[in-house]
Amino acid sequence: MPADNLDAYLDKIINGTKQDLDSFLTFFLSECPSNMIPSKEEVRRWAEALDRRGPKFASDAKACREWCG
Protein backbone atom coordinates (compact mmCIF):
# COMPACT_ATOMS: atom_id res chain seq x y z
CA MET A 1 0.00 0.00 0.00
CA PRO A 2 1.39 3.46 -0.82
CA ALA A 3 3.13 5.09 2.14
CA ASP A 4 1.16 8.31 1.81
CA ASN A 5 -2.05 6.42 2.61
CA LEU A 6 -0.72 4.79 5.78
CA ASP A 7 -1.32 7.74 8.08
CA ALA A 8 -4.72 8.45 6.56
CA TYR A 9 -5.80 4.85 7.08
CA LEU A 10 -4.53 4.76 10.65
CA ASP A 11 -6.28 8.07 11.31
CA LYS A 12 -9.54 6.50 10.09
CA ILE A 13 -8.97 3.52 12.41
CA ILE A 14 -8.33 5.81 15.36
CA ASN A 15 -11.12 8.32 14.69
CA GLY A 16 -13.72 6.65 12.48
CA THR A 17 -17.20 5.67 13.56
CA LYS A 18 -18.04 2.00 14.12
CA GLN A 19 -20.11 1.97 10.94
CA ASP A 20 -17.33 3.58 8.88
CA LEU A 21 -14.78 1.14 10.24
CA ASP A 22 -16.95 -1.88 9.52
CA SER A 23 -17.17 -0.80 5.86
CA PHE A 24 -13.48 0.16 5.72
CA LEU A 25 -12.33 -3.17 7.13
CA THR A 26 -14.68 -5.22 4.97
CA PHE A 27 -13.20 -3.53 1.93
CA PHE A 28 -9.53 -3.79 2.90
CA LEU A 29 -9.65 -7.25 4.47
CA SER A 30 -11.76 -9.00 1.85
CA GLU A 31 -12.79 -6.96 -1.19
CA CYS A 32 -10.02 -4.63 -2.33
CA PRO A 33 -7.96 -5.20 -5.49
CA SER A 34 -4.61 -6.91 -5.04
CA ASN A 35 -2.67 -3.69 -5.49
CA MET A 36 -4.43 -2.21 -2.44
CA ILE A 37 -4.05 -5.11 0.01
CA PRO A 38 -2.53 -3.82 3.26
CA SER A 39 0.52 -5.46 4.79
CA LYS A 40 0.18 -7.72 7.81
CA GLU A 41 2.25 -5.21 9.79
CA GLU A 42 -0.20 -2.44 8.93
CA VAL A 43 -3.23 -4.54 9.85
CA ARG A 44 -1.58 -5.46 13.16
CA ARG A 45 -1.24 -1.73 13.89
CA TRP A 46 -4.93 -1.33 13.08
CA ALA A 47 -5.79 -4.12 15.54
CA GLU A 48 -3.71 -2.47 18.27
CA ALA A 49 -5.38 0.90 17.65
CA LEU A 50 -8.83 -0.71 17.69
CA ASP A 51 -8.03 -2.50 20.96
CA ARG A 52 -7.23 0.89 22.50
CA ARG A 53 -10.66 2.17 21.42
CA GLY A 54 -12.35 -0.31 23.75
CA PRO A 55 -14.96 -3.08 23.70
CA LYS A 56 -17.12 -1.45 21.02
CA PHE A 57 -14.32 -2.10 18.51
CA ALA A 58 -13.24 -5.53 19.82
CA SER A 59 -14.84 -7.39 16.91
CA ASP A 60 -13.01 -5.18 14.42
CA ALA A 61 -9.69 -5.75 16.21
CA LYS A 62 -10.38 -9.49 16.19
CA ALA A 63 -11.10 -9.43 12.43
CA CYS A 64 -7.75 -7.72 11.86
CA ARG A 65 -5.88 -10.28 13.95
CA GLU A 66 -7.62 -13.18 12.19
CA TRP A 67 -6.76 -11.70 8.79
CA CYS A 68 -3.10 -11.58 9.82
CA GLY A 69 -3.24 -15.26 10.65
C-alpha atoms as a PDB file:
ATOM      1  CA  MET A   1       0.000   0.000   0.000  1.00  0.00           C
ATOM      2  CA  PRO A   2       1.389   3.459  -0.815  1.00  0.00           C
ATOM      3  CA  ALA A   3       3.131   5.086   2.144  1.00  0.00           C
ATOM      4  CA  ASP A   4       1.162   8.313   1.808  1.00  0.00           C
ATOM      5  CA  ASN A   5      -2.049   6.423   2.609  1.00  0.00           C
ATOM      6  CA  LEU A   6      -0.721   4.790   5.780  1.00  0.00           C
ATOM      7  CA  ASP A   7      -1.322   7.745   8.083  1.00  0.00           C
ATOM      8  CA  ALA A   8      -4.720   8.449   6.557  1.00  0.00           C
ATOM      9  CA  TYR A   9      -5.803   4.855   7.077  1.00  0.00           C
ATOM     10  CA  LEU A  10      -4.532   4.756  10.655  1.00  0.00           C
ATOM     11  CA  ASP A  11      -6.282   8.072  11.315  1.00  0.00           C
ATOM     12  CA  LYS A  12      -9.537   6.504  10.086  1.00  0.00           C
ATOM     13  CA  ILE A  13      -8.968   3.518  12.412  1.00  0.00           C
ATOM     14  CA  ILE A  14      -8.331   5.815  15.362  1.00  0.00           C
ATOM     15  CA  ASN A  15     -11.116   8.323  14.693  1.00  0.00           C
ATOM     16  CA  GLY A  16     -13.722   6.654  12.478  1.00  0.00           C
ATOM     17  CA  THR A  17     -17.198   5.669  13.565  1.00  0.00           C
ATOM     18  CA  LYS A  18     -18.035   1.999  14.124  1.00  0.00           C
ATOM     19  CA  GLN A  19     -20.110   1.973  10.935  1.00  0.00           C
ATOM     20  CA  ASP A  20     -17.335   3.581   8.878  1.00  0.00           C
ATOM     21  CA  LEU A  21     -14.782   1.138  10.241  1.00  0.00           C
ATOM     22  CA  ASP A  22     -16.950  -1.879   9.522  1.00  0.00           C
ATOM     23  CA  SER A  23     -17.166  -0.796   5.864  1.00  0.00           C
ATOM     24  CA  PHE A  24     -13.480   0.161   5.717  1.00  0.00           C
ATOM     25  CA  LEU A  25     -12.327  -3.174   7.131  1.00  0.00           C
ATOM     26  CA  THR A  26     -14.684  -5.215   4.973  1.00  0.00           C
ATOM     27  CA  PHE A  27     -13.201  -3.529   1.930  1.00  0.00           C
ATOM     28  CA  PHE A  28      -9.526  -3.788   2.898  1.00  0.00           C
ATOM     29  CA  LEU A  29      -9.647  -7.247   4.472  1.00  0.00           C
ATOM     30  CA  SER A  30     -11.763  -8.998   1.850  1.00  0.00           C
ATOM     31  CA  GLU A  31     -12.790  -6.964  -1.193  1.00  0.00           C
ATOM     32  CA  CYS A  32     -10.018  -4.633  -2.327  1.00  0.00           C
ATOM     33  CA  PRO A  33      -7.961  -5.199  -5.489  1.00  0.00           C
ATOM     34  CA  SER A  34      -4.608  -6.913  -5.039  1.00  0.00           C
ATOM     35  CA  ASN A  35      -2.669  -3.689  -5.491  1.00  0.00           C
ATOM     36  CA  MET A  36      -4.429  -2.211  -2.440  1.00  0.00           C
ATOM     37  CA  ILE A  37      -4.051  -5.109   0.009  1.00  0.00           C
ATOM     38  CA  PRO A  38      -2.530  -3.824   3.259  1.00  0.00           C
ATOM     39  CA  SER A  39       0.520  -5.460   4.788  1.00  0.00           C
ATOM     40  CA  LYS A  40       0.180  -7.722   7.814  1.00  0.00           C
ATOM     41  CA  GLU A  41       2.246  -5.210   9.787  1.00  0.00           C
ATOM     42  CA  GLU A  42      -0.198  -2.441   8.933  1.00  0.00           C
ATOM     43  CA  VAL A  43      -3.235  -4.539   9.850  1.00  0.00           C
ATOM     44  CA  ARG A  44      -1.578  -5.458  13.160  1.00  0.00           C
ATOM     45  CA  ARG A  45      -1.240  -1.726  13.891  1.00  0.00           C
ATOM     46  CA  TRP A  46      -4.927  -1.326  13.076  1.00  0.00           C
ATOM     47  CA  ALA A  47      -5.785  -4.123  15.539  1.00  0.00           C
ATOM     48  CA  GLU A  48      -3.708  -2.472  18.266  1.00  0.00           C
ATOM     49  CA  ALA A  49      -5.378   0.896  17.650  1.00  0.00           C
ATOM     50  CA  LEU A  50      -8.830  -0.709  17.693  1.00  0.00           C
ATOM     51  CA  ASP A  51      -8.031  -2.500  20.959  1.00  0.00           C
ATOM     52  CA  ARG A  52      -7.228   0.893  22.495  1.00  0.00           C
ATOM     53  CA  ARG A  53     -10.662   2.168  21.423  1.00  0.00           C
ATOM     54  CA  GLY A  54     -12.353  -0.305  23.751  1.00  0.00           C
ATOM     55  CA  PRO A  55     -14.962  -3.076  23.699  1.00  0.00           C
ATOM     56  CA  LYS A  56     -17.119  -1.450  21.018  1.00  0.00           C
ATOM     57  CA  PHE A  57     -14.322  -2.104  18.513  1.00  0.00           C
ATOM     58  CA  ALA A  58     -13.236  -5.526  19.816  1.00  0.00           C
ATOM     59  CA  SER A  59     -14.844  -7.389  16.909  1.00  0.00           C
ATOM     60  CA  ASP A  60     -13.006  -5.184  14.418  1.00  0.00           C
ATOM     61  CA  ALA A  61      -9.686  -5.751  16.208  1.00  0.00           C
ATOM     62  CA  LYS A  62     -10.378  -9.491  16.188  1.00  0.00           C
ATOM     63  CA  ALA A  63     -11.096  -9.432  12.431  1.00  0.00           C
ATOM     64  CA  CYS A  64      -7.755  -7.717  11.857  1.00  0.00           C
ATOM     65  CA  ARG A  65      -5.877 -10.281  13.951  1.00  0.00           C
ATOM     66  CA  GLU A  66      -7.617 -13.183  12.193  1.00  0.00           C
ATOM     67  CA  TRP A  67      -6.757 -11.704   8.791  1.00  0.00           C
ATOM     68  CA  CYS A  68      -3.103 -11.584   9.822  1.00  0.00           C
ATOM     69  CA  GLY A  69      -3.236 -15.263  10.652  1.00  0.00           C
END
